[in-house]
């Protein structure tokens, strides 16, 4: 039986198209492109995670251990005015020791910078004995003044409770945990005001239950000073927009109230307001991209937080009440302030410091790293990869390691 005419025409058309494609391939074989296999660790807009490229040290000058120049008891050591800083409770001792041991093994056993532990309650003798056994460096045990930790008098606790109920309905963690809100406020604008820290300039924030994977053979604090850096991070993420709905509107209100002159000329405003990468976040956060530096790791200069610009900004936010009526974290507050009031060239990605705070990693491709998977952002669910905001940071601020990766593309990955 003969095929119907429409089917014959369709078959003929398909044959003509097939012959045309074959001829094109034979004539221009070099133009036939096979789709690239995607990097399994791809996140955001990146085709390839830069942590897969070989990671060298940052540029000189770098200060290293020579003889006893960083010995713990050397009164004339090369250490500068800096500390390892940790907000920690007595019950977190085991988790803190894990963090201490990792950082002492990879870095501080060489440089012996002092540790500073802070708590809103007195530290126990057990806490002091165990921590002293895990470092040769000096340790300070500080209690946070009640005036710095307590919920401020202008906060309506009934409204705070109702606001927490609303956050809880949106599945926001720690909505009703008052101490979490207190911690976020303290980390945002009060940690550097402790009387015992008034003369301290640089700090490295270290939290309980984090990991460090890579040997670092230079003084990171002197790197910050010598290279005119204000703030260093390892991981940049998107925040939950439900927690910061009014943070950006309050920021704009602050700028509009005669404070726009405080903005740095070479600022990172574009990074803060991007709406292309995660438009839903920008909408829910009322104009803020929610990109931030994950502040459980910070190496920074306290001079920035003590500046008139930051002090005025924090005071405005504190009075607005969002640390308690929403769940403003220190990460977005620090990040917005740095993006507005600091020259973006003074921000630094510590790519070479391997780090984990569950569930995210920074794991560079370096023979100095052990215990993490090179280029892996998370060992959690795959959807967490979309929380990586480094692509936007590189887009608007830049990747200072790009040239270094070109020099060392044959480097070996970490284990």
Protein backbone atom coordinates (compact mmCIF):
# COMPACT_ATOMS: atom_id res chain seq x y z
CA UNK A 1 0.00 0.00 0.00
CA UNK A 2 1.42 3.42 -0.99
CA UNK A 3 2.19 5.91 1.81
CA UNK A 4 -0.06 8.97 2.00
CA UNK A 5 1.37 12.02 0.22
CA UNK A 6 1.96 14.14 3.42
CA UNK A 7 4.08 11.39 4.96
CA UNK A 8 6.09 10.99 1.74
CA UNK A 9 6.79 14.74 1.74
CA UNK A 10 7.85 14.69 5.40
CA UNK A 11 10.19 11.76 4.80
CA UNK A 12 11.73 13.50 1.77
CA UNK A 13 12.24 16.70 3.79
CA UNK A 14 14.02 14.80 6.58
CA UNK A 15 16.30 13.09 4.02
CA UNK A 16 17.22 16.43 2.40
CA UNK A 17 17.99 17.93 5.81
CA UNK A 18 20.15 14.93 6.74
CA UNK A 19 22.16 15.15 3.51
CA UNK A 20 22.64 18.92 4.02
CA UNK A 21 24.02 18.40 7.55
CA UNK A 22 26.40 15.65 6.39
CA UNK A 23 27.74 17.92 3.63
CA UNK A 24 28.26 20.76 6.13
CA UNK A 25 30.23 18.50 8.46
CA UNK A 26 32.39 17.22 5.57
CA UNK A 27 33.09 20.77 4.38
CA UNK A 28 33.78 22.35 7.81
CA UNK A 29 34.74 19.61 10.27
CA UNK A 30 36.59 22.08 12.53
CA UNK A 31 33.41 24.05 13.14
CA UNK A 32 31.49 21.13 14.57
CA UNK A 33 31.50 21.67 18.31
CA UNK A 34 30.91 18.90 20.82
CA UNK A 35 29.28 20.25 23.98
CA UNK A 36 31.80 20.61 26.81
CA UNK A 37 31.42 18.29 29.73
CA UNK A 38 30.30 20.50 32.58
CA UNK A 39 32.40 20.76 35.68
CA UNK A 40 30.61 18.60 38.28
CA UNK A 41 31.37 21.30 40.85
CA UNK A 42 29.95 24.09 38.73
CA UNK A 43 28.09 26.64 40.79
CA UNK A 44 26.38 29.88 39.87
CA UNK A 45 27.58 31.30 36.56
CA UNK A 46 31.03 29.68 36.66
CA UNK A 47 31.86 27.10 34.03
CA UNK A 48 34.81 26.08 36.16
CA UNK A 49 35.46 26.61 39.85
CA UNK A 50 38.73 28.59 40.17
CA UNK A 51 39.68 26.32 43.06
CA UNK A 52 40.32 23.62 40.44
CA UNK A 53 43.22 25.70 39.10
CA UNK A 54 46.55 25.36 40.87
CA UNK A 55 46.79 27.69 43.84
CA UNK A 56 50.06 29.34 44.75
CA UNK A 57 50.70 31.77 47.60
CA UNK A 58 49.60 35.40 47.27
CA UNK A 59 52.24 37.83 46.01
CA UNK A 60 55.23 39.01 48.01
CA UNK A 61 56.06 40.53 50.37
CA UNK A 62 55.26 37.61 52.67
CA UNK A 63 56.71 37.26 56.16
CA UNK A 64 57.84 33.78 57.17
CA UNK A 65 59.40 32.02 60.13
CA UNK A 66 63.16 32.54 60.24
CA UNK A 67 64.90 31.24 63.36
CA UNK A 68 63.00 32.36 66.47
CA UNK A 69 61.37 35.45 64.94
CA UNK A 70 57.92 34.05 65.81
CA UNK A 71 58.82 32.11 68.95
CA UNK A 72 56.05 32.33 71.58
CA UNK A 73 58.22 33.94 74.28
CA UNK A 74 60.16 36.28 72.00
CA UNK A 75 59.42 39.85 73.20
CA UNK A 76 60.80 41.23 69.94
CA UNK A 77 58.99 38.84 67.62
CA UNK A 78 57.73 39.75 64.15
CA UNK A 79 54.12 39.39 65.28
CA UNK A 80 51.99 42.48 64.83
CA UNK A 81 48.96 43.70 66.79
CA UNK A 82 46.52 40.86 66.08
CA UNK A 83 44.65 37.98 67.71
CA UNK A 84 42.72 34.80 66.94
CA UNK A 85 39.20 35.62 68.15
CA UNK A 86 36.49 33.19 69.16
CA UNK A 87 33.04 33.67 70.67
CA UNK A 88 32.48 30.36 72.44
CA UNK A 89 30.54 28.80 75.32
CA UNK A 90 31.93 26.39 77.89
CA UNK A 91 29.76 23.58 76.51
CA UNK A 92 31.39 24.02 73.08
CA UNK A 93 34.85 23.11 74.37
CA UNK A 94 35.19 19.87 72.38
CA UNK A 95 34.18 21.57 69.13
CA UNK A 96 36.48 24.49 69.83
CA UNK A 97 39.45 22.21 70.47
CA UNK A 98 38.87 20.64 67.05
CA UNK A 99 39.12 24.10 65.47
CA UNK A 100 42.15 25.04 67.56
CA UNK A 101 44.03 21.88 66.71
CA UNK A 102 43.41 22.32 63.00
CA UNK A 103 44.53 25.96 62.98
CA UNK A 104 47.52 25.31 65.23
CA UNK A 105 48.61 22.42 63.00
CA UNK A 106 48.26 24.31 59.72
CA UNK A 107 49.40 27.76 60.78
CA UNK A 108 49.63 29.01 64.36
CA UNK A 109 52.21 26.56 65.73
CA UNK A 110 54.60 28.49 63.46
CA UNK A 111 53.49 32.05 64.25
CA UNK A 112 52.12 31.80 67.81
CA UNK A 113 49.57 34.59 67.64
CA UNK A 114 47.53 34.94 70.84
CA UNK A 115 44.05 33.51 71.22
CA UNK A 116 41.17 35.55 72.63
CA UNK A 117 38.07 33.71 73.85
CA UNK A 118 34.87 35.59 74.66
CA UNK A 119 31.73 34.41 76.43
CA UNK A 120 28.73 36.09 78.03
CA UNK A 121 29.41 33.89 81.09
CA UNK A 122 32.66 33.19 82.96
CA UNK A 123 34.86 30.46 81.51
CA UNK A 124 35.28 27.32 83.60
CA UNK A 125 38.64 26.13 84.86
CA UNK A 126 38.29 23.03 82.67
CA UNK A 127 37.84 25.24 79.60
CA UNK A 128 40.99 27.18 80.48
CA UNK A 129 43.08 24.09 81.24
CA UNK A 130 42.12 22.25 78.05
CA UNK A 131 42.59 25.22 75.71
CA UNK A 132 45.97 26.08 77.26
CA UNK A 133 47.08 22.50 76.55
CA UNK A 134 46.44 23.00 72.83
CA UNK A 135 48.65 26.01 72.08
CA UNK A 136 51.99 27.54 73.04
CA UNK A 137 50.57 31.00 72.39
CA UNK A 138 49.12 33.35 75.00
CA UNK A 139 45.39 33.16 75.71
CA UNK A 140 42.95 35.76 77.02
CA UNK A 141 39.60 34.73 78.54
CA UNK A 142 37.13 37.61 78.38
CA UNK A 143 33.56 38.03 79.57
CA UNK A 144 31.30 40.17 77.39
CA UNK A 145 29.87 43.17 79.26
CA UNK A 146 26.13 42.80 79.88
CA UNK A 147 25.53 46.14 78.17
CA UNK A 148 26.98 44.68 74.97
CA UNK A 149 25.02 41.42 75.10
CA UNK A 150 21.61 42.17 76.58
CA UNK A 151 18.62 42.99 74.38
CA UNK A 152 18.63 46.81 74.18
CA UNK A 153 15.96 48.79 75.99
CA UNK A 154 14.30 50.11 72.81
CA UNK A 155 13.36 46.63 71.58
CA UNK A 156 9.71 45.66 72.15
CA UNK A 157 9.94 42.04 73.29
CA UNK A 158 6.29 41.32 72.46
CA UNK A 159 6.88 42.49 68.89
CA UNK A 160 10.11 40.46 68.84
CA UNK A 161 8.15 37.33 69.78
CA UNK A 162 5.48 37.93 67.14
CA UNK A 163 8.16 38.59 64.52
CA UNK A 164 9.85 35.32 65.45
CA UNK A 165 6.54 33.51 64.92
CA UNK A 166 6.41 34.93 61.38
CA UNK A 167 9.98 33.87 60.68
CA UNK A 168 9.24 30.40 62.01
CA UNK A 169 6.30 30.11 59.60
CA UNK A 170 8.83 30.68 56.80
CA UNK A 171 11.09 27.90 58.16
CA UNK A 172 13.84 30.29 59.28
CA UNK A 173 16.28 28.71 61.71
CA UNK A 174 16.82 30.19 65.19
CA UNK A 175 13.78 32.45 64.86
CA UNK A 176 12.92 32.12 68.55
CA UNK A 177 16.48 31.70 69.85
CA UNK A 178 17.09 35.02 71.59
CA UNK A 179 20.78 34.29 72.12
CA UNK A 180 21.24 33.86 68.36
CA UNK A 181 19.82 37.33 67.71
CA UNK A 182 22.04 38.70 70.49
CA UNK A 183 25.06 37.02 68.95
CA UNK A 184 24.34 38.47 65.50
CA UNK A 185 24.04 41.97 66.95
CA UNK A 186 27.22 41.58 69.03
CA UNK A 187 29.22 40.22 66.09
CA UNK A 188 27.90 43.04 63.90
CA UNK A 189 28.88 46.03 65.94
CA UNK A 190 30.05 45.32 69.48
CA UNK A 191 32.81 42.71 69.47
CA UNK A 192 35.54 45.25 68.75
CA UNK A 193 34.32 47.49 71.61
CA UNK A 194 35.33 45.09 74.37
CA UNK A 195 37.62 47.05 76.70
CA UNK A 196 40.37 44.41 76.44
CA UNK A 197 40.38 44.67 72.63
CA UNK A 198 40.62 48.44 72.35
CA UNK A 199 44.28 48.32 71.35
CA UNK A 200 43.92 45.30 69.01
CA UNK A 201 43.94 45.98 65.28
CA UNK A 202 43.64 42.71 63.36
CA UNK A 203 41.66 39.57 64.15
CA UNK A 204 41.06 36.12 62.67
CA UNK A 205 37.61 34.88 63.63
CA UNK A 206 37.56 31.19 64.53
CA UNK A 207 34.36 29.35 65.41
CA UNK A 208 33.90 25.98 67.11
CA UNK A 209 33.61 22.91 64.86
CA UNK A 210 35.36 24.26 61.77
CA UNK A 211 38.20 22.69 59.82
CA UNK A 212 41.39 24.05 58.26
CA UNK A 213 43.03 21.89 55.59
CA UNK A 214 46.06 23.71 54.14
CA UNK A 215 49.50 24.56 55.50
CA UNK A 216 49.96 28.33 55.42
CA UNK A 217 53.59 29.39 55.63
CA UNK A 218 53.30 33.16 55.82
CA UNK A 219 51.98 35.62 58.39
CA UNK A 220 48.43 36.38 57.23
CA UNK A 221 48.13 39.46 59.44
CA UNK A 222 51.26 41.03 58.02
CA UNK A 223 49.97 40.14 54.56
CA UNK A 224 46.85 42.18 55.30
CA UNK A 225 48.89 45.13 56.53
CA UNK A 226 51.59 45.03 53.86
CA UNK A 227 49.10 44.73 50.99
CA UNK A 228 46.66 47.30 52.37
CA UNK A 229 43.78 44.85 52.80
CA UNK A 230 40.87 45.49 55.14
CA UNK A 231 38.89 42.27 55.00
CA UNK A 232 39.61 38.68 54.00
CA UNK A 233 37.11 35.84 53.42
CA UNK A 234 37.03 32.28 52.10
CA UNK A 235 33.35 31.66 51.24
CA UNK A 236 30.68 33.96 49.78
CA UNK A 237 27.03 32.93 49.77
CA UNK A 238 23.47 34.16 49.24
CA UNK A 239 21.46 34.82 52.39
CA UNK A 240 17.89 33.76 53.06
CA UNK A 241 16.01 36.87 51.89
CA UNK A 242 13.24 36.37 54.45
CA UNK A 243 15.73 37.20 57.21
CA UNK A 244 16.77 40.59 55.78
CA UNK A 245 13.62 42.04 54.21
CA UNK A 246 14.17 45.52 55.63
CA UNK A 247 17.98 45.57 55.85
CA UNK A 248 18.50 47.15 52.42
CA UNK A 249 15.62 49.65 52.77
CA UNK A 250 17.13 50.71 56.11
CA UNK A 251 20.53 50.99 54.44
CA UNK A 252 19.08 53.27 51.76
CA UNK A 253 17.35 55.29 54.46
CA UNK A 254 20.70 55.74 56.21
CA UNK A 255 22.41 56.88 53.00
CA UNK A 256 19.57 59.27 52.19
CA UNK A 257 19.82 60.88 55.63
CA UNK A 258 22.90 62.86 54.63
CA UNK A 259 25.33 59.93 54.72
CA UNK A 260 25.91 59.16 51.04
CA UNK A 261 29.24 61.02 51.25
CA UNK A 262 30.52 58.14 53.39
CA UNK A 263 30.49 55.78 50.40
CA UNK A 264 33.86 54.81 48.99
CA UNK A 265 34.56 56.05 45.49
CA UNK A 266 35.61 52.58 44.35
CA UNK A 267 32.76 50.74 46.09
CA UNK A 268 31.06 47.42 45.36
CA UNK A 269 27.47 48.68 45.14
CA UNK A 270 26.87 46.68 41.93
CA UNK A 271 27.67 43.48 43.81
CA UNK A 272 25.17 44.36 46.53
CA UNK A 273 22.24 45.17 44.21
CA UNK A 274 22.68 42.61 41.42
CA UNK A 275 19.34 41.15 40.37
CA UNK A 276 20.38 39.04 37.39
CA UNK A 277 21.79 36.03 39.22
CA UNK A 278 19.04 35.49 41.80
CA UNK A 279 16.15 37.83 40.90
CA UNK A 280 13.87 36.18 43.46
CA UNK A 281 16.31 37.06 46.23
CA UNK A 282 16.58 40.65 45.07
CA UNK A 283 12.81 41.03 45.05
CA UNK A 284 12.24 39.43 48.46
CA UNK A 285 15.10 41.41 50.01
CA UNK A 286 13.77 44.66 48.50
CA UNK A 287 16.72 45.44 46.28
CA UNK A 288 19.56 43.56 48.00
CA UNK A 289 21.19 40.66 46.15
CA UNK A 290 21.74 38.95 49.56
CA UNK A 291 25.36 38.21 48.56
CA UNK A 292 27.60 38.23 51.61
CA UNK A 293 30.90 37.04 52.98
CA UNK A 294 30.29 34.03 55.23
CA UNK A 295 31.58 35.67 58.36
CA UNK A 296 32.32 32.59 60.47
CA UNK A 297 35.69 33.07 58.78
CA UNK A 298 37.06 36.61 58.81
CA UNK A 299 40.56 38.02 58.80
CA UNK A 300 40.06 41.73 59.14
CA UNK A 301 41.22 45.11 60.35
CA UNK A 302 39.13 46.39 63.25
CA UNK A 303 39.95 49.94 62.17
CA UNK A 304 37.21 49.63 59.55
CA UNK A 305 34.55 48.79 62.14
CA UNK A 306 35.77 51.62 64.36
CA UNK A 307 35.51 54.13 61.50
CA UNK A 308 32.89 56.92 61.67
CA UNK A 309 31.12 55.47 58.63
CA UNK A 310 30.65 51.99 60.10
CA UNK A 311 29.85 53.25 63.59
CA UNK A 312 27.10 55.52 62.23
CA UNK A 313 25.74 52.75 60.01
CA UNK A 314 25.62 50.20 62.82
CA UNK A 315 23.97 52.69 65.16
CA UNK A 316 21.25 53.29 62.56
CA UNK A 317 20.64 49.57 62.06
CA UNK A 318 20.70 48.89 65.79
CA UNK A 319 18.00 51.49 66.43
CA UNK A 320 15.90 50.10 63.56
CA UNK A 321 15.60 46.82 65.48
CA UNK A 322 16.13 44.33 62.66
CA UNK A 323 18.55 42.21 64.69
CA UNK A 324 15.53 41.22 66.80
CA UNK A 325 12.44 41.88 64.65
CA UNK A 326 14.00 40.06 61.70
CA UNK A 327 17.16 37.97 61.78
CA UNK A 328 19.80 40.29 60.44
CA UNK A 329 23.10 38.49 60.63
CA UNK A 330 26.57 39.95 61.02
CA UNK A 331 27.49 38.46 57.63
CA UNK A 332 25.15 40.67 55.53
CA UNK A 333 25.74 43.68 57.80
CA UNK A 334 29.53 43.43 57.49
CA UNK A 335 29.27 42.72 53.77
CA UNK A 336 26.96 45.62 52.94
CA UNK A 337 29.13 47.99 54.95
CA UNK A 338 32.31 46.80 53.23
CA UNK A 339 30.61 46.99 49.84
CA UNK A 340 29.56 50.59 50.43
CA UNK A 341 32.19 52.20 52.63
CA UNK A 342 35.44 50.45 51.66
CA UNK A 343 37.50 50.44 48.48
CA UNK A 344 36.78 47.08 46.88
CA UNK A 345 40.49 46.61 46.14
CA UNK A 346 40.97 46.20 49.88
CA UNK A 347 38.89 43.00 49.95
CA UNK A 348 40.76 39.71 49.68
CA UNK A 349 39.69 36.15 48.91
CA UNK A 350 41.93 33.82 50.94
CA UNK A 351 41.74 31.19 48.25
CA UNK A 352 44.81 29.40 49.62
CA UNK A 353 43.28 28.77 53.07
CA UNK A 354 41.37 25.48 52.98
CA UNK A 355 38.34 25.80 55.24
CA UNK A 356 35.06 24.15 56.16
CA UNK A 357 32.09 25.30 58.17
CA UNK A 358 29.30 22.78 57.67
CA UNK A 359 28.04 22.43 54.96
CA UNK A 360 30.40 24.59 52.82
CA UNK A 361 34.08 24.36 51.88
CA UNK A 362 36.87 26.38 50.39
CA UNK A 363 39.27 23.74 49.06
CA UNK A 364 42.06 24.94 46.76
CA UNK A 365 44.19 22.91 44.38
CA UNK A 366 47.45 22.81 46.32
CA UNK A 367 49.89 20.13 47.53
CA UNK A 368 49.71 21.93 50.89
CA UNK A 369 46.10 20.82 51.38
CA UNK A 370 44.90 17.54 52.88
CA UNK A 371 41.48 16.28 53.87
CA UNK A 372 39.16 18.14 51.46
CA UNK A 373 38.11 17.59 47.85
CA UNK A 374 39.57 20.17 45.49
CA UNK A 375 36.93 22.53 44.12
CA UNK A 376 34.08 21.09 46.14
CA UNK A 377 31.78 23.77 47.54
CA UNK A 378 29.59 21.47 49.63
CA UNK A 379 29.21 17.86 50.63
CA UNK A 380 25.52 18.47 51.28
CA UNK A 381 22.62 18.32 48.85
CA UNK A 382 23.35 19.38 45.25
CA UNK A 383 20.95 22.34 45.44
CA UNK A 384 23.36 24.03 47.88
CA UNK A 385 25.75 24.73 45.01
CA UNK A 386 23.46 27.50 43.78
CA UNK A 387 24.12 29.38 47.04
CA UNK A 388 27.65 30.22 45.89
CA UNK A 389 27.96 33.97 45.34
CA UNK A 390 31.61 33.96 44.26
CA UNK A 391 30.63 34.27 40.56
CA UNK A 392 28.99 37.60 41.31
CA UNK A 393 31.90 38.68 43.48
CA UNK A 394 34.32 37.94 40.64
CA UNK A 395 32.03 39.73 38.19
CA UNK A 396 31.79 42.99 40.12
CA UNK A 397 34.87 43.00 42.36
CA UNK A 398 37.31 40.77 40.48
CA UNK A 399 39.37 37.65 41.07
CA UNK A 400 42.85 38.69 42.11
CA UNK A 401 44.04 35.08 41.79
CA UNK A 402 43.23 34.81 38.08
CA UNK A 403 46.76 35.66 36.94
CA UNK A 404 48.30 33.32 39.51
CA UNK A 405 46.21 30.38 38.25
CA UNK A 406 47.56 30.92 34.75
CA UNK A 407 51.09 30.56 36.12
CA UNK A 408 50.37 27.25 37.80
CA UNK A 409 47.88 25.31 35.72
CA UNK A 410 49.96 22.14 36.02
CA UNK A 411 49.73 22.11 39.82
CA UNK A 412 48.62 19.01 41.70
CA UNK A 413 45.31 18.82 43.51
CA UNK A 414 44.93 18.38 47.22
CA UNK A 415 43.89 15.00 48.61
